[in-house]
Amino acid sequence: MDTSVQKHVLENGLTVLLKPIAHTPLVSWRVMYRVGSRNEQTGQTGISHWVEHMMFKGTPDFPGDQLDRMIDREGGYWNAHTFMDFTAYFETMPADRIDLALRLEADRMVNAIFEPDEVARERTVIISERQGSENSPLFWLREEVSAAAFRVHPYHHEIIGDMADLHTMTRDDLYNHYRRYYTPNNAVAVAVGSFDPARMLNRIRELYGSIPPGDPPPPVTRTEPEQVGERRVRVERPGQTTFLIYAYKSPAATDPDWFKLAVLASVLGGPSLLGGAAIDNKTSRLYRALVLSGLAADVQLSFYPTIDPYLFSIYVTLREDSDPSAVEAALEEELSRIRQQPISPAELEKAIKQARALFAYSTEGVTGQGFWLAFCENFDSYEWFERYVERLSAVTVDDVQTAAQQYLIPQRRTVGWYIPTGTAEGAQA
């Protein structure tokens, strides 16, 4: 069996990627729509995530109260996810039961109901979800940092949306968003696992080929202007722990510099990859400088592939007795060092090895491979996924230093501090 990726585009514009794998008893089917919080307008923030919830409420042929039982009965599992750049749905099933997933996703591409009472109930659920997120100091801080870092581009707002919009959006708002973006010409469909490619493609054509294409969705045209100086935000709320975020403007995933920064991220904080498994970062530069020194309880680095330029973010959790100015000074010293002094060849080799390992862990199963194929096709091409290790391994010592000098500078960053004000009145200590 040919295990290479086969790409097809149906007449209605649906992009189909097929990757047969003979040695697995499973097939994962994923439909990813090119719409996320990046595509939302003021007044409708969080709408993509809310529509994702509504897709589980069913259609006339697939009632919502039966969907879980239908998938479970066939030995499968399913889920969905909304990100800044996409909304995706998947089912991973025994290979001889995958037709249920194909039929289900074809049906809800067209026939989702959006019953008004269900919309009202889900409004309560999503508001509660937002309130739950607000229990986390990092949610408040991250929201403020993103809002300061992006004044024009819709990466400005959280995926879950602003509370004001969650209270005011209507059923028609949701349904119109669904009809505008949930079209075959705005979707990537991926099958990974044990199947015959010709038969799978024929079945996909039968189920999806007659779905009419929609009008091209409106492009995202609000380009973020160049940042010309450091921005700082400060959040003061109840709590006991102090947090710090350094968020630097970083390039889109299609920029050649992205892989240089991926290796730089691995050197500084350990590898970071959307949906990837965790890898121990205790040998990274920032962990040694901040945690082993006793200044911080934890340090993490966040850097994702995105359609538009986004953020290279460092998250620091301070110890209770730490001096914030000393923590920031130590962080500044470490970032200055990597800008001024080349890393060693051994450090480069280790960083690339760790980043490759994280990528391998996140793509070892059919579900992970299905995600990454769709994800990469959404912002560029599935070949980005296939060439990931090759392009990562091509990064040099000079590339890492050049990336640090170009991107990790004060003029490109937003700094956020979460300053706890103690236990909230009436709360238990």
Protein backbone atom coordinates (compact mmCIF):
# COMPACT_ATOMS: atom_id res chain seq x y z
CA MET A 1 0.00 0.00 0.00
CA ASP A 2 1.27 3.46 -0.91
CA THR A 3 1.45 5.35 2.40
CA SER A 4 2.22 8.77 0.92
CA VAL A 5 -0.32 11.57 1.22
CA GLN A 6 -2.71 11.89 -1.71
CA LYS A 7 -4.33 15.27 -2.28
CA HIS A 8 -7.55 15.76 -4.22
CA VAL A 9 -9.80 18.77 -4.71
CA LEU A 10 -13.45 18.01 -5.48
CA GLU A 11 -15.38 20.08 -8.00
CA ASN A 12 -17.11 21.94 -5.16
CA GLY A 13 -13.73 23.00 -3.74
CA LEU A 14 -13.41 20.51 -0.86
CA THR A 15 -9.74 19.70 -0.28
CA VAL A 16 -9.25 16.01 0.56
CA LEU A 17 -6.07 14.48 1.98
CA LEU A 18 -5.73 10.72 2.21
CA LYS A 19 -2.96 8.92 4.07
CA PRO A 20 -3.41 5.12 4.17
CA ILE A 21 -1.57 3.24 6.94
CA ALA A 22 -1.84 -0.53 6.69
CA HIS A 23 -0.65 -1.59 10.14
CA THR A 24 -3.38 0.14 12.16
CA PRO A 25 -6.94 -1.10 12.75
CA LEU A 26 -8.21 2.49 12.92
CA VAL A 27 -9.18 5.36 10.67
CA SER A 28 -9.34 8.98 11.79
CA TRP A 29 -11.60 11.31 9.81
CA ARG A 30 -11.26 15.06 10.29
CA VAL A 31 -13.02 18.03 8.74
CA MET A 32 -11.32 21.36 9.42
CA TYR A 33 -13.01 24.62 8.46
CA ARG A 34 -10.93 27.68 7.68
CA VAL A 35 -12.58 29.81 10.34
CA GLY A 36 -11.57 30.63 13.89
CA SER A 37 -11.40 33.63 16.19
CA ARG A 38 -9.15 35.28 13.58
CA ASN A 39 -12.21 35.66 11.34
CA GLU A 40 -14.48 37.31 13.92
CA GLN A 41 -15.68 40.89 14.01
CA THR A 42 -16.19 43.15 17.00
CA GLY A 43 -19.59 42.30 18.45
CA GLN A 44 -19.26 38.63 17.48
CA THR A 45 -16.12 37.53 19.30
CA GLY A 46 -16.37 33.89 20.38
CA ILE A 47 -18.87 33.04 17.65
CA SER A 48 -16.70 30.32 16.06
CA HIS A 49 -16.39 28.50 19.39
CA TRP A 50 -20.13 28.83 20.03
CA VAL A 51 -20.96 27.44 16.58
CA GLU A 52 -18.66 24.50 17.36
CA HIS A 53 -20.83 23.76 20.41
CA MET A 54 -24.00 23.97 18.33
CA MET A 55 -22.70 21.39 15.86
CA PHE A 56 -23.11 18.76 18.58
CA LYS A 57 -26.83 19.54 18.92
CA GLY A 58 -27.58 17.41 15.89
CA THR A 59 -29.47 17.40 12.60
CA PRO A 60 -32.79 15.80 11.63
CA ASP A 61 -30.96 12.62 10.56
CA PHE A 62 -28.45 12.63 13.45
CA PRO A 63 -30.27 13.83 16.59
CA GLY A 64 -28.00 15.44 19.13
CA ASP A 65 -29.10 13.27 22.04
CA GLN A 66 -28.06 10.13 20.13
CA LEU A 67 -24.69 11.15 18.66
CA ASP A 68 -22.51 10.11 21.61
CA ARG A 69 -24.19 6.71 21.82
CA MET A 70 -23.84 6.17 18.07
CA ILE A 71 -20.08 6.81 18.16
CA ASP A 72 -19.56 4.82 21.38
CA ARG A 73 -21.53 1.86 20.06
CA GLU A 74 -19.17 1.59 17.09
CA GLY A 75 -16.08 1.71 19.33
CA GLY A 76 -15.00 5.20 18.32
CA TYR A 77 -14.36 8.57 19.90
CA TRP A 78 -14.84 12.08 18.63
CA ASN A 79 -14.27 15.68 19.54
CA ALA A 80 -13.87 19.20 18.17
CA HIS A 81 -11.60 22.16 18.72
CA THR A 82 -11.70 25.88 17.93
CA PHE A 83 -8.43 27.75 17.50
CA MET A 84 -7.54 31.21 16.25
CA ASP A 85 -7.17 29.93 12.67
CA PHE A 86 -9.63 27.03 12.37
CA THR A 87 -12.53 25.00 13.73
CA ALA A 88 -12.10 21.22 13.42
CA TYR A 89 -14.13 18.07 14.02
CA PHE A 90 -12.86 14.50 14.09
CA GLU A 91 -13.87 10.91 14.69
CA THR A 92 -11.42 8.06 15.19
CA MET A 93 -13.12 4.71 14.61
CA PRO A 94 -12.39 1.06 13.92
CA ALA A 95 -11.54 0.93 10.24
CA ASP A 96 -14.70 -0.96 9.25
CA ARG A 97 -16.93 1.57 11.06
CA ILE A 98 -15.58 4.83 9.64
CA ASP A 99 -18.53 5.34 7.29
CA LEU A 100 -20.56 6.65 10.23
CA ALA A 101 -18.06 9.49 10.65
CA LEU A 102 -18.10 10.29 6.94
CA ARG A 103 -21.89 10.47 6.89
CA LEU A 104 -22.12 12.46 10.11
CA GLU A 105 -19.72 15.21 9.04
CA ALA A 106 -21.27 15.48 5.57
CA ASP A 107 -24.69 15.89 7.14
CA ARG A 108 -23.75 18.52 9.68
CA MET A 109 -21.85 20.51 7.09
CA VAL A 110 -25.32 21.33 5.70
CA ASN A 111 -28.13 20.42 8.09
CA ALA A 112 -27.26 21.66 11.59
CA ILE A 113 -30.47 22.96 13.20
CA PHE A 114 -29.57 25.80 15.64
CA GLU A 115 -32.86 25.41 17.49
CA PRO A 116 -33.48 28.64 19.49
CA ASP A 117 -33.93 26.91 22.86
CA GLU A 118 -30.67 25.03 22.33
CA VAL A 119 -28.91 28.29 21.48
CA ALA A 120 -30.21 29.81 24.72
CA ARG A 121 -29.07 26.82 26.78
CA GLU A 122 -25.65 26.86 25.16
CA ARG A 123 -25.28 30.58 25.86
CA THR A 124 -25.44 29.71 29.57
CA VAL A 125 -22.88 26.93 29.09
CA ILE A 126 -20.40 29.14 27.25
CA ILE A 127 -20.78 32.05 29.67
CA SER A 128 -20.11 29.56 32.46
CA GLU A 129 -17.06 28.33 30.55
CA ARG A 130 -15.76 31.87 30.27
CA GLN A 131 -16.39 32.42 33.99
CA GLY A 132 -14.48 29.23 34.75
CA SER A 133 -11.53 30.50 32.72
CA GLU A 134 -11.66 33.72 34.70
CA ASN A 135 -10.79 31.74 37.82
CA SER A 136 -7.27 31.48 36.39
CA PRO A 137 -4.96 34.48 36.89
CA LEU A 138 -3.15 33.52 33.68
CA PHE A 139 -6.37 33.85 31.68
CA TRP A 140 -6.78 37.47 32.83
CA LEU A 141 -3.13 38.24 32.17
CA ARG A 142 -3.01 36.53 28.77
CA GLU A 143 -6.16 38.36 27.67
CA GLU A 144 -4.67 41.73 28.63
CA VAL A 145 -1.34 40.94 26.95
CA SER A 146 -3.04 39.86 23.70
CA ALA A 147 -5.24 42.95 23.72
CA ALA A 148 -2.18 45.17 24.11
CA ALA A 149 -0.04 43.28 21.61
CA PHE A 150 -2.70 43.34 18.86
CA ARG A 151 -4.52 46.63 18.49
CA VAL A 152 -5.82 46.00 14.95
CA HIS A 153 -5.59 42.29 14.07
CA PRO A 154 -8.32 39.99 15.46
CA TYR A 155 -5.70 37.92 17.33
CA HIS A 156 -6.51 40.70 19.80
CA HIS A 157 -9.32 38.73 21.49
CA GLU A 158 -9.61 35.37 23.26
CA ILE A 159 -11.05 32.42 21.37
CA ILE A 160 -13.92 32.10 23.83
CA GLY A 161 -14.89 35.71 23.13
CA ASP A 162 -15.71 38.81 25.16
CA MET A 163 -18.41 38.47 27.79
CA ALA A 164 -20.36 41.39 26.29
CA ASP A 165 -20.66 39.54 22.97
CA LEU A 166 -21.62 36.24 24.60
CA HIS A 167 -24.60 38.00 26.19
CA THR A 168 -25.79 39.72 23.00
CA MET A 169 -25.19 37.41 20.02
CA THR A 170 -28.36 35.93 18.52
CA ARG A 171 -29.39 32.64 17.00
CA ASP A 172 -29.33 34.27 13.56
CA ASP A 173 -25.79 35.53 14.16
CA LEU A 174 -24.67 31.96 14.84
CA TYR A 175 -26.59 30.43 11.94
CA ASN A 176 -25.33 33.02 9.45
CA HIS A 177 -21.75 32.40 10.60
CA TYR A 178 -22.31 28.65 10.08
CA ARG A 179 -23.74 29.13 6.60
CA ARG A 180 -20.98 31.56 5.58
CA TYR A 181 -18.01 29.44 6.65
CA TYR A 182 -19.18 25.80 6.75
CA THR A 183 -18.91 25.15 3.04
CA PRO A 184 -16.87 22.53 1.16
CA ASN A 185 -14.69 25.15 -0.53
CA ASN A 186 -13.71 26.45 2.93
CA ALA A 187 -12.83 23.04 4.37
CA VAL A 188 -10.04 20.47 4.49
CA ALA A 189 -11.06 16.83 4.95
CA VAL A 190 -8.46 14.27 6.02
CA ALA A 191 -8.50 10.48 6.39
CA VAL A 192 -5.59 8.67 8.03
CA GLY A 193 -5.51 4.95 8.74
CA SER A 194 -6.39 1.59 7.27
CA PHE A 195 -8.41 2.09 4.08
CA ASP A 196 -8.22 1.66 0.34
CA PRO A 197 -7.59 5.14 -1.11
CA ALA A 198 -9.66 4.66 -4.25
CA ARG A 199 -12.68 3.36 -2.34
CA MET A 200 -12.34 6.08 0.29
CA LEU A 201 -12.19 8.82 -2.34
CA ASN A 202 -15.25 7.40 -4.12
CA ARG A 203 -17.20 7.37 -0.85
CA ILE A 204 -16.16 10.94 -0.07
CA ARG A 205 -17.32 12.02 -3.52
CA GLU A 206 -20.68 10.30 -2.94
CA LEU A 207 -21.27 12.02 0.39
CA TYR A 208 -19.66 15.43 -0.10
CA GLY A 209 -19.47 15.99 -3.87
CA SER A 210 -23.06 17.21 -4.24
CA ILE A 211 -22.80 19.80 -1.46
CA PRO A 212 -22.79 23.20 -3.20
CA PRO A 213 -19.86 25.53 -2.64
CA GLY A 214 -20.42 28.80 -0.86
CA ASP A 215 -19.30 32.30 -1.66
CA PRO A 216 -15.63 32.86 -0.80
CA PRO A 217 -15.46 33.95 2.85
CA PRO A 218 -14.36 37.53 3.46
CA PRO A 219 -10.58 37.80 3.81
CA VAL A 220 -8.91 38.98 6.99
CA THR A 221 -7.52 42.35 5.92
CA ARG A 222 -6.77 44.06 9.25
CA THR A 223 -3.00 43.69 9.24
CA GLU A 224 -1.32 44.55 12.53
CA PRO A 225 0.97 47.57 12.12
CA GLU A 226 4.60 47.25 13.13
CA GLN A 227 5.15 47.62 16.86
CA VAL A 228 7.54 50.48 17.55
CA GLY A 229 8.11 50.19 21.28
CA GLU A 230 7.62 48.04 24.33
CA ARG A 231 4.09 47.84 25.74
CA ARG A 232 3.32 47.00 29.37
CA VAL A 233 0.16 45.90 31.14
CA ARG A 234 -0.53 45.21 34.80
CA VAL A 235 -3.41 43.15 36.19
CA GLU A 236 -4.24 43.41 39.89
CA ARG A 237 -6.74 40.83 41.09
CA PRO A 238 -7.32 38.47 44.02
CA GLY A 239 -4.82 35.67 44.33
CA GLN A 240 -1.58 34.65 45.99
CA THR A 241 0.76 34.11 43.01
CA THR A 242 2.57 36.60 40.80
CA PHE A 243 2.92 35.88 37.07
CA LEU A 244 4.97 37.46 34.30
CA ILE A 245 4.52 37.20 30.52
CA TYR A 246 7.03 38.37 27.91
CA ALA A 247 5.30 38.23 24.52
CA TYR A 248 7.36 39.03 21.42
CA LYS A 249 5.89 39.55 17.95
CA SER A 250 6.83 36.52 15.87
CA PRO A 251 6.44 35.53 12.18
CA ALA A 252 3.74 33.48 10.50
CA ALA A 253 4.33 29.76 10.01
CA THR A 254 5.08 30.27 6.32
CA ASP A 255 7.97 32.64 7.08
CA PRO A 256 11.41 30.95 6.79
CA ASP A 257 12.29 32.47 10.17
CA TRP A 258 9.62 30.39 11.91
CA PHE A 259 11.87 27.33 12.16
CA LYS A 260 14.76 29.43 13.48
CA LEU A 261 12.51 30.62 16.28
CA ALA A 262 11.27 27.07 16.90
CA VAL A 263 14.83 26.02 17.66
CA LEU A 264 15.41 29.16 19.71
CA ALA A 265 12.30 28.30 21.72
CA SER A 266 13.66 24.82 22.38
CA VAL A 267 16.97 26.28 23.62
CA LEU A 268 15.32 28.80 25.93
CA GLY A 269 12.37 26.93 27.35
CA GLY A 270 12.12 23.49 25.86
CA PRO A 271 10.14 22.70 22.70
CA SER A 272 6.58 23.97 22.37
CA LEU A 273 4.10 22.67 19.81
CA LEU A 274 0.34 23.01 19.47
CA GLY A 275 -1.26 19.78 20.61
CA GLY A 276 2.12 18.19 21.38
CA ALA A 277 3.06 16.03 24.33
CA ALA A 278 5.07 17.64 27.11
CA ILE A 279 8.83 17.25 27.15
CA ASP A 280 10.93 17.94 30.25
CA ASN A 281 12.35 21.47 30.06
CA LYS A 282 14.57 21.25 33.13
CA THR A 283 17.76 21.55 31.10
CA SER A 284 16.62 24.64 29.20
CA ARG A 285 18.32 27.99 29.72
CA LEU A 286 15.35 29.76 31.28
CA TYR A 287 14.59 26.91 33.68
CA ARG A 288 18.18 26.96 34.91
CA ALA A 289 18.26 30.75 35.18
CA LEU A 290 14.90 31.26 36.87
CA VAL A 291 13.73 28.04 38.54
CA LEU A 292 16.97 26.39 39.66
CA SER A 293 18.15 29.79 40.92
CA GLY A 294 15.13 29.94 43.23
CA LEU A 295 13.56 33.01 41.62
CA ALA A 296 10.61 31.27 39.95
CA ALA A 297 8.44 28.24 40.58
CA ASP A 298 7.99 27.52 36.87
CA VAL A 299 8.76 28.84 33.40
CA GLN A 300 7.11 27.82 30.13
CA LEU A 301 7.43 28.94 26.54
CA SER A 302 4.61 29.16 23.98
CA PHE A 303 5.24 29.38 20.22
CA TYR A 304 2.76 28.07 17.64
CA PRO A 305 2.46 27.94 13.84
CA THR A 306 -0.17 30.51 12.83
CA ILE A 307 -1.55 31.98 9.61
CA ASP A 308 -0.56 35.53 10.52
CA PRO A 309 2.30 36.80 12.69
CA TYR A 310 1.57 35.98 16.32
CA LEU A 311 3.53 35.76 19.59
CA PHE A 312 6.62 34.08 21.02
CA SER A 313 5.64 34.06 24.71
CA ILE A 314 7.52 33.32 27.92
CA TYR A 315 5.40 32.58 31.02
CA VAL A 316 6.99 32.84 34.46
CA THR A 317 5.36 31.79 37.74
CA LEU A 318 7.10 33.55 40.61
CA ARG A 319 7.80 32.09 44.02
CA GLU A 320 5.89 33.73 46.86
CA ASP A 321 9.00 35.42 48.26
CA SER A 322 10.50 36.48 44.91
CA ASP A 323 11.18 40.10 44.03
CA PRO A 324 9.50 40.83 40.65
CA SER A 325 12.24 43.25 39.65
CA ALA A 326 14.90 40.59 40.31
CA VAL A 327 12.97 38.03 38.22
CA GLU A 328 12.65 40.42 35.30
CA ALA A 329 16.33 41.36 35.58
CA ALA A 330 17.35 37.69 35.46
CA LEU A 331 15.10 37.07 32.46
CA GLU A 332 16.52 40.11 30.69
CA GLU A 333 20.05 38.90 31.37
CA GLU A 334 19.35 35.49 29.85
CA LEU A 335 17.71 36.96 26.75
CA SER A 336 20.60 39.40 26.31
CA ARG A 337 23.07 36.54 26.54
CA ILE A 338 21.43 34.57 23.74
CA ARG A 339 21.36 37.68 21.55
CA GLN A 340 25.04 38.45 22.14
CA GLN A 341 26.67 35.01 22.32
CA PRO A 342 26.16 32.11 19.89
CA ILE A 343 24.88 28.90 21.38
CA SER A 344 27.18 25.88 21.22
CA PRO A 345 26.85 23.22 18.49
CA ALA A 346 26.02 20.68 21.22
CA GLU A 347 23.22 22.90 22.53
CA LEU A 348 21.86 23.29 19.01
CA GLU A 349 21.90 19.55 18.45
CA LYS A 350 20.08 18.90 21.72
CA ALA A 351 17.45 21.57 21.05
CA ILE A 352 16.69 20.20 17.59
CA LYS A 353 16.57 16.66 18.93
CA GLN A 354 14.04 17.65 21.60
CA ALA A 355 11.89 19.59 19.14
CA ARG A 356 11.91 16.63 16.73
CA ALA A 357 10.94 14.29 19.56
CA LEU A 358 7.98 16.46 20.57
CA PHE A 359 6.78 16.55 16.97
CA ALA A 360 7.13 12.76 16.72
CA TYR A 361 5.13 12.24 19.92
CA SER A 362 2.31 14.46 18.71
CA THR A 363 2.04 12.69 15.34
CA GLU A 364 2.55 9.03 16.22
CA GLY A 365 -1.16 8.09 16.12
CA VAL A 366 -3.69 8.40 13.31
CA THR A 367 -5.59 11.11 15.18
CA GLY A 368 -2.46 13.24 15.62
CA GLN A 369 -1.42 12.80 12.01
CA GLY A 370 -4.89 13.74 10.83
CA PHE A 371 -4.76 16.91 12.89
CA TRP A 372 -1.35 17.99 11.61
CA LEU A 373 -2.12 17.28 7.97
CA ALA A 374 -5.30 19.36 8.14
CA PHE A 375 -3.67 22.04 10.28
CA CYS A 376 -0.76 22.55 7.89
CA GLU A 377 -2.95 22.46 4.79
CA ASN A 378 -5.05 25.18 6.43
CA PHE A 379 -2.21 27.69 6.73
CA ASP A 380 0.06 26.47 3.92
CA SER A 381 0.25 22.89 2.66
CA TYR A 382 0.40 19.39 4.12
CA GLU A 383 4.00 19.40 2.85
CA TRP A 384 4.84 21.75 5.74
CA PHE A 385 4.09 18.77 7.98
CA GLU A 386 6.10 16.37 5.85
CA ARG A 387 9.14 18.67 5.74
CA TYR A 388 9.02 19.70 9.40
CA VAL A 389 11.94 17.61 10.60
CA GLU A 390 14.04 18.42 7.53
CA ARG A 391 13.57 22.17 7.93
CA LEU A 392 14.11 22.06 11.66
CA SER A 393 17.36 20.13 11.21
CA ALA A 394 18.65 22.73 8.73
CA VAL A 395 18.74 25.49 11.37
CA THR A 396 22.27 26.60 12.27
CA VAL A 397 23.94 28.22 15.27
CA ASP A 398 24.04 31.52 13.37
CA ASP A 399 20.33 31.22 12.53
CA VAL A 400 19.44 30.96 16.21
CA GLN A 401 21.47 34.03 17.17
CA THR A 402 20.15 36.04 14.22
CA ALA A 403 16.56 35.16 15.17
CA ALA A 404 17.19 36.22 18.78
CA GLN A 405 18.70 39.52 17.65
CA GLN A 406 15.84 40.23 15.26
CA TYR A 407 12.82 39.14 17.29
CA LEU A 408 13.67 39.10 21.01
CA ILE A 409 14.09 42.84 21.40
CA PRO A 410 12.17 45.21 23.69
CA GLN A 411 10.61 47.12 20.80
CA ARG A 412 8.77 43.97 19.67
CA ARG A 413 7.41 42.83 23.01
CA THR A 414 4.49 43.24 25.34
CA VAL A 415 5.19 42.68 29.03
CA GLY A 416 2.42 41.67 31.39
CA TRP A 417 2.45 41.41 35.18
CA TYR A 418 -0.23 39.76 37.31
CA ILE A 419 0.01 41.24 40.80
CA PRO A 420 -2.09 39.35 43.38
CA THR A 421 -4.04 41.39 45.91
CA GLY A 422 -4.58 38.54 48.40
CA THR A 423 -7.59 36.33 49.02
CA ALA A 424 -10.87 37.73 47.76
CA GLU A 425 -13.36 38.80 50.44
CA GLY A 426 -15.56 35.91 51.42
CA ALA A 427 -13.31 33.32 49.79
CA GLN A 428 -11.66 30.55 51.74
CA ALA A 429 -7.92 30.79 52.14
